[in-house]
C-alpha atoms as a PDB file:
ATOM      1  CA  MET A   1      29.902 -46.043   0.345  1.00  0.00           C
ATOM      2  CA  LEU A   2      28.690 -43.091   2.219  1.00  0.00           C
ATOM      3  CA  HIS A   3      29.057 -40.900  -0.949  1.00  0.00           C
ATOM      4  CA  ILE A   4      27.032 -43.651  -2.875  1.00  0.00           C
ATOM      5  CA  VAL A   5      24.461 -43.605  -0.255  1.00  0.00           C
ATOM      6  CA  SER A   6      24.059 -39.776  -0.457  1.00  0.00           C
ATOM      7  CA  VAL A   7      23.645 -39.640  -4.230  1.00  0.00           C
ATOM      8  CA  VAL A   8      20.964 -42.379  -3.865  1.00  0.00           C
ATOM      9  CA  ILE A   9      18.895 -40.367  -1.342  1.00  0.00           C
ATOM     10  CA  ILE A  10      19.497 -37.248  -3.358  1.00  0.00           C
ATOM     11  CA  ALA A  11      18.552 -39.010  -6.533  1.00  0.00           C
ATOM     12  CA  LEU A  12      15.409 -40.406  -4.583  1.00  0.00           C
ATOM     13  CA  SER A  13      14.620 -36.746  -3.209  1.00  0.00           C
ATOM     14  CA  LEU A  14      14.673 -35.290  -6.707  1.00  0.00           C
ATOM     15  CA  GLY A  15      12.335 -38.030  -7.740  1.00  0.00           C
ATOM     16  CA  CYS A  16       9.985 -37.271  -5.344  1.00  0.00           C
ATOM     17  CA  ALA A  17      10.140 -33.640  -5.907  1.00  0.00           C
ATOM     18  CA  VAL A  18       9.290 -34.166  -9.845  1.00  0.00           C
ATOM     19  CA  GLY A  19       6.715 -36.689  -8.761  1.00  0.00           C
ATOM     20  CA  GLN A  20       5.022 -33.529  -6.574  1.00  0.00           C
ATOM     21  CA  ASP A  21       4.881 -31.416  -9.624  1.00  0.00           C
ATOM     22  CA  LEU A  22       1.400 -30.398 -10.685  1.00  0.00           C
ATOM     23  CA  ARG A  23       0.424 -31.848 -13.906  1.00  0.00           C
ATOM     24  CA  ARG A  24       0.526 -29.522 -17.011  1.00  0.00           C
ATOM     25  CA  VAL A  25      -2.268 -29.873 -19.431  1.00  0.00           C
ATOM     26  CA  ASP A  26      -3.088 -27.768 -22.847  1.00  0.00           C
ATOM     27  CA  ASP A  27      -6.518 -26.492 -23.657  1.00  0.00           C
ATOM     28  CA  THR A  28      -7.272 -29.616 -25.407  1.00  0.00           C
ATOM     29  CA  GLU A  29      -6.989 -31.883 -22.765  1.00  0.00           C
ATOM     30  CA  LEU A  30      -8.473 -29.611 -20.141  1.00  0.00           C
ATOM     31  CA  ILE A  31     -11.716 -29.434 -22.187  1.00  0.00           C
ATOM     32  CA  GLN A  32     -11.475 -33.209 -21.955  1.00  0.00           C
ATOM     33  CA  LEU A  33     -11.192 -33.354 -18.482  1.00  0.00           C
ATOM     34  CA  LEU A  34     -13.978 -30.670 -17.766  1.00  0.00           C
ATOM     35  CA  THR A  35     -16.364 -32.573 -20.215  1.00  0.00           C
ATOM     36  CA  GLY A  36     -15.988 -35.580 -17.981  1.00  0.00           C
ATOM     37  CA  SER A  37     -17.749 -36.568 -15.051  1.00  0.00           C
ATOM     38  CA  SER A  38     -14.693 -35.980 -12.495  1.00  0.00           C
ATOM     39  CA  ASN A  39     -14.373 -33.131 -10.141  1.00  0.00           C
ATOM     40  CA  VAL A  40     -11.384 -30.751 -11.198  1.00  0.00           C
ATOM     41  CA  VAL A  41      -9.192 -28.365  -9.842  1.00  0.00           C
ATOM     42  CA  VAL A  42      -7.506 -26.090 -12.178  1.00  0.00           C
ATOM     43  CA  LEU A  43      -4.991 -23.680 -11.511  1.00  0.00           C
ATOM     44  CA  PHE A  44      -4.479 -21.126 -14.728  1.00  0.00           C
ATOM     45  CA  ASN A  45      -1.082 -19.949 -14.421  1.00  0.00           C
ATOM     46  CA  LYS A  46       1.527 -17.877 -17.115  1.00  0.00           C
ATOM     47  CA  ASN A  47       5.045 -17.451 -17.422  1.00  0.00           C
ATOM     48  CA  ASN A  48       6.899 -14.582 -15.773  1.00  0.00           C
ATOM     49  CA  CYS A  49       4.394 -13.782 -12.988  1.00  0.00           C
ATOM     50  CA  GLN A  50       5.608 -14.149  -9.235  1.00  0.00           C
ATOM     51  CA  ARG A  51       1.944 -14.716  -7.738  1.00  0.00           C
ATOM     52  CA  CYS A  52       1.578 -17.504 -10.321  1.00  0.00           C
ATOM     53  CA  VAL A  53       4.487 -19.396  -8.791  1.00  0.00           C
ATOM     54  CA  GLU A  54       3.246 -18.540  -5.192  1.00  0.00           C
ATOM     55  CA  TYR A  55       0.081 -20.055  -6.239  1.00  0.00           C
ATOM     56  CA  GLU A  56       1.392 -23.139  -7.866  1.00  0.00           C
ATOM     57  CA  ASN A  57       3.769 -23.809  -4.762  1.00  0.00           C
ATOM     58  CA  MET A  58       0.648 -23.647  -2.298  1.00  0.00           C
ATOM     59  CA  VAL A  59      -1.369 -25.776  -4.714  1.00  0.00           C
ATOM     60  CA  THR A  60       1.369 -28.193  -5.078  1.00  0.00           C
ATOM     61  CA  LYS A  61       1.602 -28.542  -1.179  1.00  0.00           C
ATOM     62  CA  ILE A  62      -2.187 -29.261  -0.825  1.00  0.00           C
ATOM     63  CA  ARG A  63      -2.467 -31.232  -3.877  1.00  0.00           C
ATOM     64  CA  ALA A  64      -2.834 -34.654  -1.953  1.00  0.00           C
ATOM     65  CA  GLN A  65      -5.576 -33.245   0.239  1.00  0.00           C
ATOM     66  CA  LEU A  66      -7.312 -31.731  -2.544  1.00  0.00           C
ATOM     67  CA  GLU A  67      -7.444 -34.910  -4.399  1.00  0.00           C
ATOM     68  CA  GLU A  68      -8.557 -36.982  -1.184  1.00  0.00           C
ATOM     69  CA  THR A  69     -11.216 -34.271   0.183  1.00  0.00           C
ATOM     70  CA  LEU A  70     -12.564 -33.304  -3.101  1.00  0.00           C
ATOM     71  CA  SER A  71     -12.256 -36.535  -5.332  1.00  0.00           C
ATOM     72  CA  ALA A  72     -10.644 -34.353  -7.986  1.00  0.00           C
ATOM     73  CA  ILE A  73      -8.147 -34.378 -10.473  1.00  0.00           C
ATOM     74  CA  VAL A  74      -5.519 -31.298  -9.950  1.00  0.00           C
ATOM     75  CA  VAL A  75      -3.694 -29.751 -12.842  1.00  0.00           C
ATOM     76  CA  GLN A  76      -2.447 -26.447 -14.136  1.00  0.00           C
ATOM     77  CA  SER A  77      -2.720 -24.865 -17.483  1.00  0.00           C
ATOM     78  CA  VAL A  78      -0.431 -22.428 -18.645  1.00  0.00           C
ATOM     79  CA  ASP A  79      -0.949 -19.208 -20.725  1.00  0.00           C
ATOM     80  CA  SER A  80      -4.403 -20.766 -21.568  1.00  0.00           C
ATOM     81  CA  ASN A  81      -7.217 -19.298 -23.742  1.00  0.00           C
ATOM     82  CA  LEU A  82      -9.594 -20.485 -21.530  1.00  0.00           C
ATOM     83  CA  VAL A  83      -8.853 -18.652 -18.604  1.00  0.00           C
ATOM     84  CA  SER A  84     -10.927 -15.673 -19.371  1.00  0.00           C
ATOM     85  CA  ILE A  85     -14.153 -17.533 -19.518  1.00  0.00           C
ATOM     86  CA  TYR A  86     -13.928 -18.398 -15.763  1.00  0.00           C
ATOM     87  CA  ASP A  87     -11.898 -15.247 -14.830  1.00  0.00           C
ATOM     88  CA  PRO A  88     -12.052 -12.104 -16.108  1.00  0.00           C
ATOM     89  CA  SER A  89      -8.973 -10.645 -14.247  1.00  0.00           C
ATOM     90  CA  LYS A  90      -7.258 -13.704 -15.732  1.00  0.00           C
ATOM     91  CA  GLU A  91      -3.970 -15.476 -14.315  1.00  0.00           C
ATOM     92  CA  PRO A  92      -3.529 -16.719 -11.942  1.00  0.00           C
ATOM     93  CA  ALA A  93      -7.165 -18.250 -11.192  1.00  0.00           C
ATOM     94  CA  LEU A  94      -7.684 -21.370  -9.217  1.00  0.00           C
ATOM     95  CA  VAL A  95     -10.894 -22.599 -10.236  1.00  0.00           C
ATOM     96  CA  PHE A  96     -12.956 -26.099  -8.960  1.00  0.00           C
ATOM     97  CA  PHE A  97     -15.301 -27.505 -11.353  1.00  0.00           C
ATOM     98  CA  ARG A  98     -18.000 -29.544  -9.546  1.00  0.00           C
ATOM     99  CA  ARG A  99     -19.132 -31.892 -12.262  1.00  0.00           C
ATOM    100  CA  GLY A 100     -18.687 -28.743 -14.812  1.00  0.00           C
ATOM    101  CA  ILE A 101     -19.853 -26.199 -12.400  1.00  0.00           C
ATOM    102  CA  PRO A 102     -17.165 -23.578 -11.913  1.00  0.00           C
ATOM    103  CA  ILE A 103     -16.383 -21.616  -8.880  1.00  0.00           C
ATOM    104  CA  LEU A 104     -13.577 -19.516  -8.705  1.00  0.00           C
ATOM    105  CA  TYR A 105     -11.418 -19.380  -5.671  1.00  0.00           C
ATOM    106  CA  HIS A 106     -10.954 -15.712  -4.198  1.00  0.00           C
ATOM    107  CA  GLY A 107      -8.769 -15.051  -1.059  1.00  0.00           C
ATOM    108  CA  GLU A 108      -5.559 -15.207   0.267  1.00  0.00           C
ATOM    109  CA  ILE A 109      -2.966 -17.839  -0.868  1.00  0.00           C
ATOM    110  CA  ASN A 110      -3.569 -19.994   2.220  1.00  0.00           C
ATOM    111  CA  ASP A 111      -3.578 -23.728   2.248  1.00  0.00           C
ATOM    112  CA  ASP A 112      -5.990 -23.959   4.848  1.00  0.00           C
ATOM    113  CA  GLU A 113      -8.548 -21.245   3.545  1.00  0.00           C
ATOM    114  CA  ILE A 114      -8.301 -22.870  -0.071  1.00  0.00           C
ATOM    115  CA  LEU A 115      -9.119 -26.308   1.249  1.00  0.00           C
ATOM    116  CA  ASP A 116     -11.776 -24.837   3.469  1.00  0.00           C
ATOM    117  CA  PHE A 117     -13.369 -22.929   0.485  1.00  0.00           C
ATOM    118  CA  PHE A 118     -13.626 -25.594  -1.824  1.00  0.00           C
ATOM    119  CA  ASN A 119     -14.900 -28.386   0.959  1.00  0.00           C
ATOM    120  CA  ASP A 120     -17.262 -26.117   1.740  1.00  0.00           C
ATOM    121  CA  ASN A 121     -18.537 -25.675  -1.744  1.00  0.00           C
ATOM    122  CA  LEU A 122     -19.069 -29.078  -3.271  1.00  0.00           C
ATOM    123  CA  GLU A 123     -22.470 -28.188  -4.476  1.00  0.00           C
ATOM    124  CA  PRO A 124     -23.286 -24.873  -6.105  1.00  0.00           C
ATOM    125  CA  ALA A 125     -25.001 -22.347  -3.891  1.00  0.00           C
ATOM    126  CA  VAL A 126     -26.693 -20.148  -6.415  1.00  0.00           C
ATOM    127  CA  LYS A 127     -30.219 -20.491  -6.826  1.00  0.00           C
ATOM    128  CA  GLU A 128     -31.898 -20.434 -10.462  1.00  0.00           C
ATOM    129  CA  LEU A 129     -34.952 -18.249 -10.275  1.00  0.00           C
ATOM    130  CA  SER A 130     -37.738 -17.848 -13.192  1.00  0.00           C
ATOM    131  CA  ASP A 131     -40.988 -15.904 -13.895  1.00  0.00           C
ATOM    132  CA  ASP A 132     -42.761 -18.771 -12.324  1.00  0.00           C
ATOM    133  CA  ASN A 133     -40.992 -18.981  -8.969  1.00  0.00           C
ATOM    134  CA  PHE A 134     -39.502 -15.541  -8.566  1.00  0.00           C
ATOM    135  CA  GLU A 135     -42.369 -14.044  -6.006  1.00  0.00           C
ATOM    136  CA  HIS A 136     -42.699 -17.002  -4.233  1.00  0.00           C
ATOM    137  CA  LEU A 137     -39.456 -17.713  -3.296  1.00  0.00           C
ATOM    138  CA  THR A 138     -38.224 -13.844  -2.778  1.00  0.00           C
ATOM    139  CA  GLN A 139     -41.230 -12.473  -1.617  1.00  0.00           C
ATOM    140  CA  ALA A 140     -39.754  -9.449  -3.025  1.00  0.00           C
ATOM    141  CA  SER A 141     -42.917  -7.249  -3.043  1.00  0.00           C
ATOM    142  CA  SER A 142     -43.739  -7.892   0.692  1.00  0.00           C
ATOM    143  CA  GLY A 143     -39.963  -8.051   2.108  1.00  0.00           C
ATOM    144  CA  ALA A 144     -41.215 -11.024   4.137  1.00  0.00           C
ATOM    145  CA  THR A 145     -39.339 -14.069   5.628  1.00  0.00           C
ATOM    146  CA  THR A 146     -37.079 -15.307   3.154  1.00  0.00           C
ATOM    147  CA  GLY A 147     -34.275 -13.128   3.874  1.00  0.00           C
ATOM    148  CA  ASP A 148     -32.228 -10.689   1.315  1.00  0.00           C
ATOM    149  CA  TRP A 149     -31.442 -11.786  -2.173  1.00  0.00           C
ATOM    150  CA  PHE A 150     -28.613 -10.671  -4.846  1.00  0.00           C
ATOM    151  CA  ILE A 151     -29.923 -11.378  -8.366  1.00  0.00           C
ATOM    152  CA  PHE A 152     -27.175 -11.546 -11.355  1.00  0.00           C
ATOM    153  CA  PHE A 153     -29.649 -11.221 -14.730  1.00  0.00           C
ATOM    154  CA  SER A 154     -28.063 -12.775 -17.643  1.00  0.00           C
ATOM    155  CA  SER A 155     -28.529 -14.084 -20.984  1.00  0.00           C
ATOM    156  CA  ALA A 156     -27.235 -16.547 -23.373  1.00  0.00           C
ATOM    157  CA  GLU A 157     -26.498 -13.627 -26.079  1.00  0.00           C
ATOM    158  CA  CYS A 158     -24.044 -11.959 -23.467  1.00  0.00           C
ATOM    159  CA  THR A 159     -20.666 -12.737 -23.527  1.00  0.00           C
ATOM    160  CA  VAL A 160     -19.858 -10.887 -20.565  1.00  0.00           C
ATOM    161  CA  CYS A 161     -22.383 -12.857 -18.431  1.00  0.00           C
ATOM    162  CA  GLN A 162     -20.939 -16.258 -19.625  1.00  0.00           C
ATOM    163  CA  ARG A 163     -17.578 -15.120 -18.195  1.00  0.00           C
ATOM    164  CA  LEU A 164     -18.818 -14.164 -14.733  1.00  0.00           C
ATOM    165  CA  TYR A 165     -20.550 -17.647 -13.943  1.00  0.00           C
ATOM    166  CA  ALA A 166     -17.622 -18.885 -11.810  1.00  0.00           C
ATOM    167  CA  VAL A 167     -17.280 -15.445 -10.509  1.00  0.00           C
ATOM    168  CA  TRP A 168     -21.061 -15.566  -9.610  1.00  0.00           C
ATOM    169  CA  GLU A 169     -20.553 -19.074  -7.922  1.00  0.00           C
ATOM    170  CA  SER A 170     -17.798 -17.811  -5.800  1.00  0.00           C
ATOM    171  CA  VAL A 171     -20.072 -14.911  -4.270  1.00  0.00           C
ATOM    172  CA  GLY A 172     -22.495 -17.733  -3.730  1.00  0.00           C
ATOM    173  CA  GLY A 173     -20.342 -19.915  -2.007  1.00  0.00           C
ATOM    174  CA  LYS A 174     -18.793 -16.701  -0.011  1.00  0.00           C
ATOM    175  CA  LEU A 175     -22.407 -15.439   1.257  1.00  0.00           C
ATOM    176  CA  LYS A 176     -24.653 -18.501   0.957  1.00  0.00           C
ATOM    177  CA  ARG A 177     -25.063 -18.205   5.101  1.00  0.00           C
ATOM    178  CA  LYS A 178     -25.768 -14.683   4.915  1.00  0.00           C
ATOM    179  CA  LEU A 179     -28.442 -14.138   2.127  1.00  0.00           C
ATOM    180  CA  ASN A 180     -29.465 -15.692  -1.009  1.00  0.00           C
ATOM    181  CA  ILE A 181     -27.750 -15.583  -4.268  1.00  0.00           C
ATOM    182  CA  ALA A 182     -29.495 -16.113  -7.284  1.00  0.00           C
ATOM    183  CA  ARG A 183     -29.368 -16.077 -11.292  1.00  0.00           C
ATOM    184  CA  MET A 184     -32.199 -15.614 -13.728  1.00  0.00           C
ATOM    185  CA  ASN A 185     -32.256 -15.499 -17.734  1.00  0.00           C
ATOM    186  CA  SER A 186     -33.318 -11.661 -18.548  1.00  0.00           C
ATOM    187  CA  LEU A 187     -34.485 -12.628 -22.154  1.00  0.00           C
ATOM    188  CA  GLU A 188     -36.111 -16.017 -21.504  1.00  0.00           C
ATOM    189  CA  SER A 189     -37.558 -17.719 -18.384  1.00  0.00           C
ATOM    190  CA  GLY A 190     -36.856 -14.350 -16.264  1.00  0.00           C
ATOM    191  CA  ILE A 191     -38.004 -11.958 -18.775  1.00  0.00           C
ATOM    192  CA  SER A 192     -41.517 -10.959 -16.930  1.00  0.00           C
ATOM    193  CA  THR A 193     -39.821 -10.147 -13.867  1.00  0.00           C
ATOM    194  CA  ALA A 194     -36.690  -8.472 -15.769  1.00  0.00           C
ATOM    195  CA  THR A 195     -39.168  -6.009 -17.285  1.00  0.00           C
ATOM    196  CA  ARG A 196     -40.659  -5.575 -14.063  1.00  0.00           C
ATOM    197  CA  LEU A 197     -37.692  -4.524 -12.129  1.00  0.00           C
ATOM    198  CA  GLY A 198     -36.347  -2.088 -15.080  1.00  0.00           C
ATOM    199  CA  VAL A 199     -33.609  -4.780 -16.352  1.00  0.00           C
ATOM    200  CA  LEU A 200     -32.756  -3.349 -19.384  1.00  0.00           C
ATOM    201  CA  GLU A 201     -29.672  -5.372 -20.512  1.00  0.00           C
ATOM    202  CA  ALA A 202     -27.217  -8.099 -19.133  1.00  0.00           C
ATOM    203  CA  PRO A 203     -25.307  -8.332 -17.238  1.00  0.00           C
ATOM    204  CA  ALA A 204     -27.139  -6.655 -14.454  1.00  0.00           C
ATOM    205  CA  PHE A 205     -27.455  -6.941 -10.495  1.00  0.00           C
ATOM    206  CA  ILE A 206     -29.969  -6.329  -8.214  1.00  0.00           C
ATOM    207  CA  PHE A 207     -30.138  -6.557  -4.555  1.00  0.00           C
ATOM    208  CA  LEU A 208     -33.346  -6.946  -2.702  1.00  0.00           C
ATOM    209  CA  ARG A 209     -33.762  -6.317   0.921  1.00  0.00           C
ATOM    210  CA  GLN A 210     -37.137  -5.744   2.738  1.00  0.00           C
ATOM    211  CA  GLY A 211     -39.194  -4.418  -0.231  1.00  0.00           C
ATOM    212  CA  LYS A 212     -36.563  -2.286  -1.739  1.00  0.00           C
ATOM    213  CA  MET A 213     -34.075  -3.017  -4.338  1.00  0.00           C
ATOM    214  CA  TYR A 214     -30.484  -1.613  -4.979  1.00  0.00           C
ATOM    215  CA  LYS A 215     -29.128  -1.580  -8.415  1.00  0.00           C
ATOM    216  CA  TYR A 216     -25.322  -2.768  -8.634  1.00  0.00           C
ATOM    217  CA  SER A 217     -23.917   0.043 -11.005  1.00  0.00           C
ATOM    218  CA  ALA A 218     -20.275  -0.167 -10.834  1.00  0.00           C
ATOM    219  CA  LYS A 219     -18.580  -2.030 -13.541  1.00  0.00           C
ATOM    220  CA  GLN A 220     -15.970  -3.750 -11.078  1.00  0.00           C
ATOM    221  CA  TYR A 221     -16.930  -7.704 -11.691  1.00  0.00           C
ATOM    222  CA  SER A 222     -15.119  -9.309  -9.106  1.00  0.00           C
ATOM    223  CA  PRO A 223     -16.159 -11.458  -6.212  1.00  0.00           C
ATOM    224  CA  GLU A 224     -14.810  -9.199  -3.762  1.00  0.00           C
ATOM    225  CA  ALA A 225     -16.695  -6.248  -5.037  1.00  0.00           C
ATOM    226  CA  PHE A 226     -19.826  -8.233  -5.421  1.00  0.00           C
ATOM    227  CA  VAL A 227     -19.360  -9.403  -1.574  1.00  0.00           C
ATOM    228  CA  GLN A 228     -18.433  -5.977  -0.530  1.00  0.00           C
ATOM    229  CA  PHE A 229     -21.776  -4.300  -2.099  1.00  0.00           C
ATOM    230  CA  ALA A 230     -23.829  -7.217  -0.670  1.00  0.00           C
ATOM    231  CA  GLU A 231     -22.439  -6.759   2.724  1.00  0.00           C
ATOM    232  CA  LYS A 232     -22.601  -2.782   2.949  1.00  0.00           C
ATOM    233  CA  GLY A 233     -22.186  -1.123   0.210  1.00  0.00           C
ATOM    234  CA  TYR A 234     -25.638  -1.214  -1.389  1.00  0.00           C
ATOM    235  CA  THR A 235     -26.378   1.284   1.384  1.00  0.00           C
ATOM    236  CA  GLN A 236     -24.704   4.027  -0.512  1.00  0.00           C
ATOM    237  CA  SER A 237     -26.816   3.302  -3.675  1.00  0.00           C
ATOM    238  CA  HIS A 238     -30.282   4.730  -4.025  1.00  0.00           C
ATOM    239  CA  PRO A 239     -33.274   2.159  -2.943  1.00  0.00           C
ATOM    240  CA  GLN A 240     -36.223   1.893  -4.953  1.00  0.00           C
ATOM    241  CA  PRO A 241     -39.607   0.040  -3.731  1.00  0.00           C
ATOM    242  CA  VAL A 242     -40.042  -3.211  -5.677  1.00  0.00           C
ATOM    243  CA  PRO A 243     -42.424  -2.742  -8.364  1.00  0.00           C
ATOM    244  CA  ALA A 244     -45.652  -4.588  -7.374  1.00  0.00           C
ATOM    245  CA  ILE A 245     -46.907  -7.660  -9.210  1.00  0.00           C
ATOM    246  CA  PRO A 246     -48.538  -6.616 -12.830  1.00  0.00           C
ATOM    247  CA  SER A 247     -52.011  -7.547 -12.895  1.00  0.00           C
ATOM    248  CA  ALA A 248     -53.448  -9.962 -15.856  1.00  0.00           C
ATOM    249  CA  VAL A 249     -55.218  -6.835 -17.586  1.00  0.00           C
ATOM    250  CA  ASN A 250     -52.043  -4.874 -17.235  1.00  0.00           C
ATOM    251  CA  GLU A 251     -49.793  -7.945 -18.582  1.00  0.00           C
ATOM    252  CA  PHE A 252     -52.606  -8.160 -21.363  1.00  0.00           C
ATOM    253  CA  LEU A 253     -52.584  -4.272 -22.094  1.00  0.00           C
ATOM    254  CA  GLY A 254     -48.772  -4.097 -21.808  1.00  0.00           C
ATOM    255  CA  PRO A 255     -47.871  -5.387 -25.453  1.00  0.00           C
ATOM    256  CA  LEU A 256     -50.658  -3.090 -26.773  1.00  0.00           C
ATOM    257  CA  GLN A 257     -49.687   0.000 -24.932  1.00  0.00           C
ATOM    258  CA  SER A 258     -45.858  -0.818 -26.447  1.00  0.00           C
ATOM    259  CA  TYR A 259     -47.317  -1.166 -29.676  1.00  0.00           C
ATOM    260  CA  PHE A 260     -49.455   2.197 -29.400  1.00  0.00           C
ATOM    261  CA  ALA A 261     -46.601   4.112 -28.126  1.00  0.00           C
ATOM    262  CA  ALA A 262     -44.405   2.936 -31.233  1.00  0.00           C
ATOM    263  CA  GLU A 263     -47.237   3.935 -33.430  1.00  0.00           C
ATOM    264  CA  ASN A 264     -47.409   7.333 -31.494  1.00  0.00           C
ATOM    265  CA  ILE A 265     -50.508   6.844 -30.156  1.00  0.00           C
ATOM    266  CA  THR A 266     -50.233   8.293 -26.695  1.00  0.00           C
ATOM    267  CA  SER A 267     -53.380   7.229 -25.057  1.00  0.00           C
ATOM    268  CA  LEU A 268     -55.745   4.023 -25.161  1.00  0.00           C
ATOM    269  CA  ALA A 269     -58.696   5.915 -26.080  1.00  0.00           C
ATOM    270  CA  THR A 270     -57.983   5.021 -29.793  1.00  0.00           C
ATOM    271  CA  LEU A 271     -57.564   1.347 -28.571  1.00  0.00           C
ATOM    272  CA  SER A 272     -61.180   1.960 -26.553  1.00  0.00           C
ATOM    273  CA  ILE A 273     -62.801   2.880 -29.771  1.00  0.00           C
ATOM    274  CA  PHE A 274     -61.190   0.270 -31.722  1.00  0.00           C
ATOM    275  CA  ALA A 275     -62.381  -2.314 -29.362  1.00  0.00           C
ATOM    276  CA  LEU A 276     -65.912  -1.366 -28.990  1.00  0.00           C
ATOM    277  CA  VAL A 277     -66.366  -0.914 -32.693  1.00  0.00           C
ATOM    278  CA  ALA A 278     -65.035  -4.868 -32.945  1.00  0.00           C
ATOM    279  CA  LEU A 279     -67.377  -5.917 -30.060  1.00  0.00           C
ATOM    280  CA  LEU A 280     -70.380  -4.108 -31.625  1.00  0.00           C
ATOM    281  CA  PHE A 281     -69.692  -5.885 -34.910  1.00  0.00           C
ATOM    282  CA  VAL A 282     -68.771  -9.230 -33.509  1.00  0.00           C
ATOM    283  CA  GLY A 283     -72.461  -8.947 -31.454  1.00  0.00           C
ATOM    284  CA  LYS A 284     -74.187  -7.946 -34.281  1.00  0.00           C
ATOM    285  CA  LYS A 285     -73.001 -10.909 -36.316  1.00  0.00           C
ATOM    286  CA  VAL A 286     -73.694 -13.443 -33.282  1.00  0.00           C
ATOM    287  CA  ALA A 287     -77.084 -11.914 -33.009  1.00  0.00           C
ATOM    288  CA  LYS A 288     -78.077 -12.327 -36.634  1.00  0.00           C
ATOM    289  CA  ILE A 289     -76.705 -15.939 -36.676  1.00  0.00           C
ATOM    290  CA  PHE A 290     -78.903 -16.884 -33.459  1.00  0.00           C
ATOM    291  CA  SER A 291     -81.755 -15.231 -34.728  1.00  0.00           C
ATOM    292  CA  SER A 292     -81.904 -17.020 -38.226  1.00  0.00           C
ATOM    293  CA  GLU A 293     -81.995 -20.430 -36.680  1.00  0.00           C
ATOM    294  CA  PRO A 294     -85.418 -21.024 -35.568  1.00  0.00           C
ATOM    295  CA  ALA A 295     -86.653 -19.524 -39.172  1.00  0.00           C
ATOM    296  CA  LYS A 296     -84.368 -22.265 -40.772  1.00  0.00           C
ATOM    297  CA  THR A 297     -85.730 -24.994 -38.599  1.00  0.00           C
ATOM    298  CA  LYS A 298     -88.950 -23.935 -39.106  1.00  0.00           C
ATOM    299  CA  ASN A 299     -88.562 -23.911 -43.278  1.00  0.00           C
ATOM    300  CA  LYS A 300     -87.213 -27.684 -42.913  1.00  0.00           C
ATOM    301  CA  SER A 301     -90.066 -28.904 -41.008  1.00  0.00           C
ATOM    302  CA  LYS A 302     -92.218 -27.742 -43.717  1.00  0.00           C
END
């Protein structure tokens, strides 16, 4: 009898253990989950990886808490082709998708740290900037009261940029109480600002502080590297004054200056001559039209 009871207890224990395993999904299932309206926590793993096993054990341990506090589905994807989209360093990677918006966890394999980080970032922390709101929000030229800004310049054509989305959200989640983390499209809604700040390609990262700008030139695109730069690493780079807001005249002449430079015209002297001739020609035509009006009216009256 005792033997039978022991067997039942062992069987129940094994059943519970199996029930606690993380659900595995393939890429097709994962895409379906991520395109839905639910929050999803995904552990990207691979075989023959000790650190992956450590992550799996930890996420399995806190799965119920993640499901309850985040209202999330918790799954793992092994040897997924999608992992590089969310973490360039690949497996293991723990990503929380907040109705489709990913944030990459970076830190120790610790239950409290994971739970605190995800619960503290239920909403995205990265601000969206454009030419229309850039100066108003950042006060970049004056270095005034809105604090420091760390800006990621991206574009739709930049594959690397797309793979840094979850990384940059992670930076925002880590630093949101210290400074402002933002993103701009350097080829569309932020093209004028990108030109003003000398952003020639994407991805590009600029730290703004007290009227100065510091360019992140390293090729390390990890949350840890970005956070370290924003907290103190920027002091090791060469600061430049934030360029002044271009005047309306400069914005108008800018494209013309670029055209004349491309045509090997090194000054605006020729432009001035052409403009003067055009104005004289138009003025002469207008004067002739107005001078002829009274004559036409007079002839009609006869």
